[in-house]
Amino acid sequence: MTDESTSESPQATALTKAQLVDLLFDHVGLSKREAKEMVDAFFDMVAQRLIAGADVKLSGFGNFQIRTKAPRPGRNPRTGELVPIDERRVVTFHASSKLKEQIQSTAAVQSSASERI
């Protein structure tokens, strides 16, 4: 996909759901309404699976997993007071080796290009 959103610098703004809708509209030919429904359905499905405690694996992209963090002592940075932090569930993401390789090869190309300037 040769799109300006893929050729932006690492400091570029985040990819938004609205931009995903526009990409589906432009490149796949879905109507804006259909594209929005598809993007919303995808993220709803991912969220529901994670809420249920299931892993989400996207081949060639990575894995989202739910991890339970144990309770631990914390500290209020303003007052220094000890504050207990309760057990909580967090989402972690682990990029696939394919994605990592693509990121590294892109970083190497950008690095060598900036050295030539």
N, C-alpha and C. Protein backbone atom coordinates (compact mmCIF):
# COMPACT_ATOMS: atom_id res chain seq x y z
N MET A 1 0.85 -1.16 0.00
CA MET A 1 0.00 0.00 0.00
C MET A 1 0.89 1.23 0.00
N THR A 2 0.92 1.96 -1.06
CA THR A 2 1.72 3.18 -1.13
C THR A 2 0.81 4.35 -0.84
N ASP A 3 0.72 4.67 0.41
CA ASP A 3 -0.18 5.71 0.89
C ASP A 3 0.64 6.65 1.76
N GLU A 4 0.24 7.89 1.82
CA GLU A 4 1.01 8.82 2.61
C GLU A 4 1.02 8.46 4.08
N SER A 5 0.01 7.73 4.59
CA SER A 5 0.00 7.35 5.99
C SER A 5 1.06 6.30 6.29
N THR A 6 1.50 5.53 5.30
CA THR A 6 2.53 4.53 5.54
C THR A 6 3.92 5.08 5.33
N SER A 7 4.04 6.22 4.69
CA SER A 7 5.36 6.78 4.43
C SER A 7 5.70 7.93 5.36
N GLU A 8 4.87 8.17 6.37
CA GLU A 8 5.13 9.25 7.30
C GLU A 8 6.28 8.90 8.23
N SER A 9 6.87 9.91 8.82
CA SER A 9 7.97 9.70 9.75
C SER A 9 7.47 9.06 11.03
N PRO A 10 8.39 8.48 11.82
CA PRO A 10 7.99 7.86 13.09
C PRO A 10 7.32 8.84 14.05
N GLN A 11 7.58 10.14 13.88
CA GLN A 11 6.97 11.13 14.76
C GLN A 11 5.57 11.53 14.29
N ALA A 12 5.07 10.90 13.25
CA ALA A 12 3.77 11.24 12.70
C ALA A 12 2.67 10.90 13.70
N THR A 13 1.50 11.48 13.47
CA THR A 13 0.38 11.24 14.36
C THR A 13 -0.08 9.78 14.26
N ALA A 14 -0.83 9.36 15.23
CA ALA A 14 -1.33 7.99 15.29
C ALA A 14 -2.35 7.73 14.19
N LEU A 15 -2.45 6.49 13.78
CA LEU A 15 -3.46 6.08 12.81
C LEU A 15 -4.79 5.98 13.56
N THR A 16 -5.80 6.66 13.08
CA THR A 16 -7.09 6.70 13.77
C THR A 16 -8.09 5.76 13.10
N LYS A 17 -9.19 5.49 13.82
CA LYS A 17 -10.25 4.69 13.24
C LYS A 17 -10.84 5.38 12.01
N ALA A 18 -10.94 6.70 12.06
CA ALA A 18 -11.47 7.45 10.91
C ALA A 18 -10.56 7.27 9.69
N GLN A 19 -9.26 7.25 9.91
CA GLN A 19 -8.34 7.03 8.80
C GLN A 19 -8.47 5.61 8.25
N LEU A 20 -8.69 4.64 9.13
CA LEU A 20 -8.92 3.26 8.67
C LEU A 20 -10.17 3.19 7.81
N VAL A 21 -11.22 3.89 8.23
CA VAL A 21 -12.46 3.94 7.44
C VAL A 21 -12.17 4.52 6.07
N ASP A 22 -11.42 5.62 6.04
CA ASP A 22 -11.08 6.25 4.75
C ASP A 22 -10.26 5.32 3.86
N LEU A 23 -9.33 4.57 4.46
CA LEU A 23 -8.53 3.62 3.68
C LEU A 23 -9.40 2.52 3.08
N LEU A 24 -10.35 1.99 3.86
CA LEU A 24 -11.26 0.97 3.34
C LEU A 24 -12.13 1.55 2.23
N PHE A 25 -12.56 2.78 2.41
CA PHE A 25 -13.36 3.45 1.40
C PHE A 25 -12.56 3.63 0.11
N ASP A 26 -11.32 4.12 0.23
CA ASP A 26 -10.49 4.42 -0.94
C ASP A 26 -9.95 3.18 -1.63
N HIS A 27 -9.49 2.20 -0.88
CA HIS A 27 -8.77 1.07 -1.46
C HIS A 27 -9.60 -0.19 -1.67
N VAL A 28 -10.65 -0.36 -0.89
CA VAL A 28 -11.46 -1.58 -1.02
C VAL A 28 -12.76 -1.31 -1.76
N GLY A 29 -13.22 -0.07 -1.71
CA GLY A 29 -14.43 0.28 -2.42
C GLY A 29 -15.70 0.15 -1.60
N LEU A 30 -15.54 0.01 -0.27
CA LEU A 30 -16.73 -0.03 0.58
C LEU A 30 -17.30 1.38 0.71
N SER A 31 -18.59 1.46 0.99
CA SER A 31 -19.16 2.78 1.28
C SER A 31 -18.62 3.23 2.63
N LYS A 32 -18.70 4.52 2.91
CA LYS A 32 -18.22 5.04 4.20
C LYS A 32 -18.94 4.34 5.36
N ARG A 33 -20.25 4.15 5.22
CA ARG A 33 -21.03 3.51 6.28
C ARG A 33 -20.57 2.07 6.49
N GLU A 34 -20.39 1.32 5.39
CA GLU A 34 -19.93 -0.07 5.49
C GLU A 34 -18.53 -0.14 6.09
N ALA A 35 -17.66 0.77 5.68
CA ALA A 35 -16.30 0.79 6.19
C ALA A 35 -16.29 1.07 7.69
N LYS A 36 -17.11 2.05 8.12
CA LYS A 36 -17.19 2.38 9.54
C LYS A 36 -17.73 1.20 10.34
N GLU A 37 -18.76 0.54 9.82
CA GLU A 37 -19.32 -0.62 10.51
C GLU A 37 -18.29 -1.75 10.62
N MET A 38 -17.49 -1.95 9.57
CA MET A 38 -16.48 -3.00 9.58
C MET A 38 -15.39 -2.70 10.61
N VAL A 39 -14.91 -1.47 10.63
CA VAL A 39 -13.86 -1.09 11.58
C VAL A 39 -14.40 -1.21 13.01
N ASP A 40 -15.59 -0.69 13.25
CA ASP A 40 -16.19 -0.78 14.59
C ASP A 40 -16.40 -2.23 15.01
N ALA A 41 -16.88 -3.07 14.10
CA ALA A 41 -17.12 -4.48 14.41
C ALA A 41 -15.80 -5.19 14.74
N PHE A 42 -14.76 -4.88 14.00
CA PHE A 42 -13.45 -5.49 14.25
C PHE A 42 -12.96 -5.15 15.66
N PHE A 43 -12.97 -3.85 16.00
CA PHE A 43 -12.46 -3.46 17.31
C PHE A 43 -13.37 -3.93 18.44
N ASP A 44 -14.68 -3.97 18.21
CA ASP A 44 -15.60 -4.52 19.21
C ASP A 44 -15.30 -5.99 19.47
N MET A 45 -15.05 -6.74 18.40
CA MET A 45 -14.75 -8.16 18.53
C MET A 45 -13.45 -8.38 19.30
N VAL A 46 -12.43 -7.60 18.97
CA VAL A 46 -11.14 -7.72 19.68
C VAL A 46 -11.34 -7.38 21.15
N ALA A 47 -12.04 -6.29 21.44
CA ALA A 47 -12.27 -5.88 22.82
C ALA A 47 -13.06 -6.94 23.60
N GLN A 48 -14.10 -7.48 22.99
CA GLN A 48 -14.91 -8.49 23.68
C GLN A 48 -14.10 -9.74 24.00
N ARG A 49 -13.25 -10.17 23.09
CA ARG A 49 -12.39 -11.34 23.33
C ARG A 49 -11.43 -11.06 24.48
N LEU A 50 -10.84 -9.87 24.51
CA LEU A 50 -9.91 -9.53 25.57
C LEU A 50 -10.63 -9.41 26.92
N ILE A 51 -11.81 -8.82 26.92
CA ILE A 51 -12.61 -8.70 28.15
C ILE A 51 -12.93 -10.08 28.70
N ALA A 52 -13.19 -11.04 27.79
CA ALA A 52 -13.50 -12.41 28.20
C ALA A 52 -12.25 -13.17 28.66
N GLY A 53 -11.08 -12.57 28.52
CA GLY A 53 -9.85 -13.20 28.97
C GLY A 53 -9.14 -14.01 27.90
N ALA A 54 -9.62 -13.96 26.65
CA ALA A 54 -9.01 -14.72 25.57
C ALA A 54 -7.92 -13.90 24.89
N ASP A 55 -6.91 -14.59 24.39
CA ASP A 55 -5.87 -13.92 23.60
C ASP A 55 -6.41 -13.61 22.22
N VAL A 56 -5.86 -12.57 21.60
CA VAL A 56 -6.20 -12.23 20.22
C VAL A 56 -4.90 -12.30 19.41
N LYS A 57 -4.88 -13.20 18.43
CA LYS A 57 -3.69 -13.40 17.61
C LYS A 57 -3.99 -12.96 16.18
N LEU A 58 -3.22 -12.00 15.69
CA LEU A 58 -3.36 -11.51 14.33
C LEU A 58 -2.10 -11.93 13.58
N SER A 59 -2.24 -12.92 12.73
CA SER A 59 -1.11 -13.51 12.02
C SER A 59 -0.34 -12.43 11.25
N GLY A 60 0.97 -12.43 11.42
CA GLY A 60 1.82 -11.47 10.73
C GLY A 60 1.85 -10.11 11.39
N PHE A 61 1.08 -9.91 12.45
CA PHE A 61 1.03 -8.63 13.13
C PHE A 61 1.47 -8.77 14.58
N GLY A 62 0.74 -9.59 15.37
CA GLY A 62 1.13 -9.80 16.76
C GLY A 62 0.01 -10.35 17.59
N ASN A 63 0.27 -10.45 18.88
CA ASN A 63 -0.68 -11.03 19.83
C ASN A 63 -1.01 -10.03 20.93
N PHE A 64 -2.31 -9.94 21.23
CA PHE A 64 -2.78 -9.18 22.37
C PHE A 64 -3.14 -10.20 23.44
N GLN A 65 -2.65 -9.97 24.66
CA GLN A 65 -2.93 -10.89 25.74
C GLN A 65 -3.35 -10.13 26.99
N ILE A 66 -4.16 -10.79 27.80
CA ILE A 66 -4.56 -10.23 29.09
C ILE A 66 -3.61 -10.81 30.13
N ARG A 67 -3.08 -9.93 30.96
CA ARG A 67 -2.19 -10.35 32.02
C ARG A 67 -2.71 -9.78 33.33
N THR A 68 -2.68 -10.57 34.37
CA THR A 68 -3.10 -10.10 35.69
C THR A 68 -1.87 -9.66 36.46
N LYS A 69 -1.86 -8.40 36.86
CA LYS A 69 -0.75 -7.88 37.65
C LYS A 69 -1.10 -8.02 39.13
N ALA A 70 -0.16 -8.51 39.89
CA ALA A 70 -0.36 -8.73 41.32
C ALA A 70 -0.47 -7.40 42.06
N PRO A 71 -1.15 -7.43 43.21
CA PRO A 71 -1.20 -6.20 44.02
C PRO A 71 0.22 -5.87 44.50
N ARG A 72 0.49 -4.58 44.68
CA ARG A 72 1.83 -4.18 45.09
C ARG A 72 1.76 -2.85 45.82
N PRO A 73 2.77 -2.55 46.60
CA PRO A 73 2.79 -1.23 47.24
C PRO A 73 3.22 -0.17 46.23
N GLY A 74 2.61 0.97 46.31
CA GLY A 74 2.97 2.09 45.45
C GLY A 74 3.25 3.31 46.29
N ARG A 75 3.57 4.40 45.64
CA ARG A 75 3.89 5.63 46.37
C ARG A 75 3.28 6.80 45.62
N ASN A 76 2.60 7.67 46.34
CA ASN A 76 2.08 8.89 45.77
C ASN A 76 3.28 9.79 45.48
N PRO A 77 3.54 10.11 44.20
CA PRO A 77 4.74 10.90 43.89
C PRO A 77 4.72 12.32 44.46
N ARG A 78 3.53 12.85 44.70
CA ARG A 78 3.43 14.21 45.21
C ARG A 78 3.73 14.27 46.71
N THR A 79 3.16 13.30 47.47
CA THR A 79 3.30 13.34 48.93
C THR A 79 4.30 12.33 49.47
N GLY A 80 4.64 11.32 48.68
CA GLY A 80 5.54 10.26 49.15
C GLY A 80 4.82 9.22 49.99
N GLU A 81 3.51 9.39 50.17
CA GLU A 81 2.72 8.47 50.98
C GLU A 81 2.61 7.11 50.29
N LEU A 82 2.73 6.03 51.09
CA LEU A 82 2.55 4.69 50.56
C LEU A 82 1.08 4.45 50.25
N VAL A 83 0.81 3.91 49.06
CA VAL A 83 -0.55 3.65 48.60
C VAL A 83 -0.59 2.24 48.04
N PRO A 84 -1.52 1.41 48.53
CA PRO A 84 -1.60 0.06 47.96
C PRO A 84 -2.22 0.10 46.56
N ILE A 85 -1.62 -0.64 45.63
CA ILE A 85 -2.16 -0.75 44.27
C ILE A 85 -2.79 -2.13 44.16
N ASP A 86 -4.09 -2.15 43.86
CA ASP A 86 -4.83 -3.41 43.78
C ASP A 86 -4.42 -4.24 42.57
N GLU A 87 -4.76 -5.53 42.64
CA GLU A 87 -4.56 -6.41 41.49
C GLU A 87 -5.36 -5.86 40.32
N ARG A 88 -4.81 -5.97 39.11
CA ARG A 88 -5.54 -5.46 37.95
C ARG A 88 -5.16 -6.27 36.72
N ARG A 89 -6.04 -6.20 35.74
CA ARG A 89 -5.80 -6.87 34.46
C ARG A 89 -5.35 -5.82 33.46
N VAL A 90 -4.32 -6.16 32.69
CA VAL A 90 -3.80 -5.25 31.68
C VAL A 90 -3.67 -5.99 30.35
N VAL A 91 -3.72 -5.23 29.27
CA VAL A 91 -3.52 -5.80 27.94
C VAL A 91 -2.07 -5.60 27.55
N THR A 92 -1.44 -6.67 27.08
CA THR A 92 -0.09 -6.55 26.55
C THR A 92 -0.11 -6.90 25.07
N PHE A 93 0.83 -6.32 24.33
CA PHE A 93 0.95 -6.61 22.91
C PHE A 93 2.36 -7.08 22.63
N HIS A 94 2.47 -8.16 21.88
CA HIS A 94 3.76 -8.68 21.45
C HIS A 94 3.74 -8.74 19.93
N ALA A 95 4.60 -7.97 19.32
CA ALA A 95 4.67 -7.93 17.85
C ALA A 95 5.19 -9.26 17.32
N SER A 96 4.67 -9.66 16.15
CA SER A 96 5.14 -10.89 15.52
C SER A 96 6.55 -10.66 14.96
N SER A 97 7.24 -11.75 14.70
CA SER A 97 8.59 -11.62 14.14
C SER A 97 8.54 -10.96 12.76
N LYS A 98 7.48 -11.22 11.99
CA LYS A 98 7.35 -10.56 10.68
C LYS A 98 7.26 -9.05 10.82
N LEU A 99 6.44 -8.59 11.76
CA LEU A 99 6.29 -7.15 11.97
C LEU A 99 7.60 -6.55 12.46
N LYS A 100 8.26 -7.23 13.38
CA LYS A 100 9.54 -6.73 13.89
C LYS A 100 10.55 -6.60 12.76
N GLU A 101 10.61 -7.59 11.88
CA GLU A 101 11.54 -7.55 10.75
C GLU A 101 11.22 -6.37 9.83
N GLN A 102 9.93 -6.14 9.55
CA GLN A 102 9.54 -5.02 8.69
C GLN A 102 9.93 -3.69 9.32
N ILE A 103 9.74 -3.57 10.62
CA ILE A 103 10.09 -2.33 11.32
C ILE A 103 11.60 -2.11 11.27
N GLN A 104 12.36 -3.18 11.51
CA GLN A 104 13.82 -3.05 11.50
C GLN A 104 14.34 -2.72 10.11
N SER A 105 13.79 -3.36 9.08
CA SER A 105 14.28 -3.08 7.72
C SER A 105 13.92 -1.66 7.31
N THR A 106 12.77 -1.17 7.71
CA THR A 106 12.38 0.21 7.42
C THR A 106 13.27 1.18 8.17
N ALA A 107 13.58 0.87 9.43
CA ALA A 107 14.45 1.74 10.23
C ALA A 107 15.84 1.78 9.61
N ALA A 108 16.34 0.66 9.12
CA ALA A 108 17.67 0.62 8.51
C ALA A 108 17.70 1.46 7.24
N VAL A 109 16.66 1.39 6.43
CA VAL A 109 16.58 2.18 5.19
C VAL A 109 16.53 3.67 5.52
N GLN A 110 15.71 4.03 6.51
CA GLN A 110 15.60 5.44 6.89
C GLN A 110 16.91 5.95 7.48
N SER A 111 17.59 5.11 8.26
CA SER A 111 18.86 5.50 8.85
C SER A 111 19.92 5.73 7.79
N SER A 112 20.01 4.84 6.83
CA SER A 112 21.02 5.01 5.78
C SER A 112 20.68 6.21 4.88
N ALA A 113 19.41 6.47 4.70
CA ALA A 113 19.02 7.64 3.89
C ALA A 113 19.37 8.93 4.61
N SER A 114 19.19 8.97 5.93
CA SER A 114 19.49 10.19 6.67
C SER A 114 21.00 10.40 6.78
N GLU A 115 21.80 9.32 6.72
CA GLU A 115 23.26 9.47 6.77
C GLU A 115 23.78 10.09 5.48
N ARG A 116 23.08 9.88 4.36
CA ARG A 116 23.51 10.42 3.07
C ARG A 116 23.23 11.90 2.93
N ILE A 117 22.35 12.43 3.78
CA ILE A 117 21.95 13.84 3.65
C ILE A 117 22.96 14.76 4.25
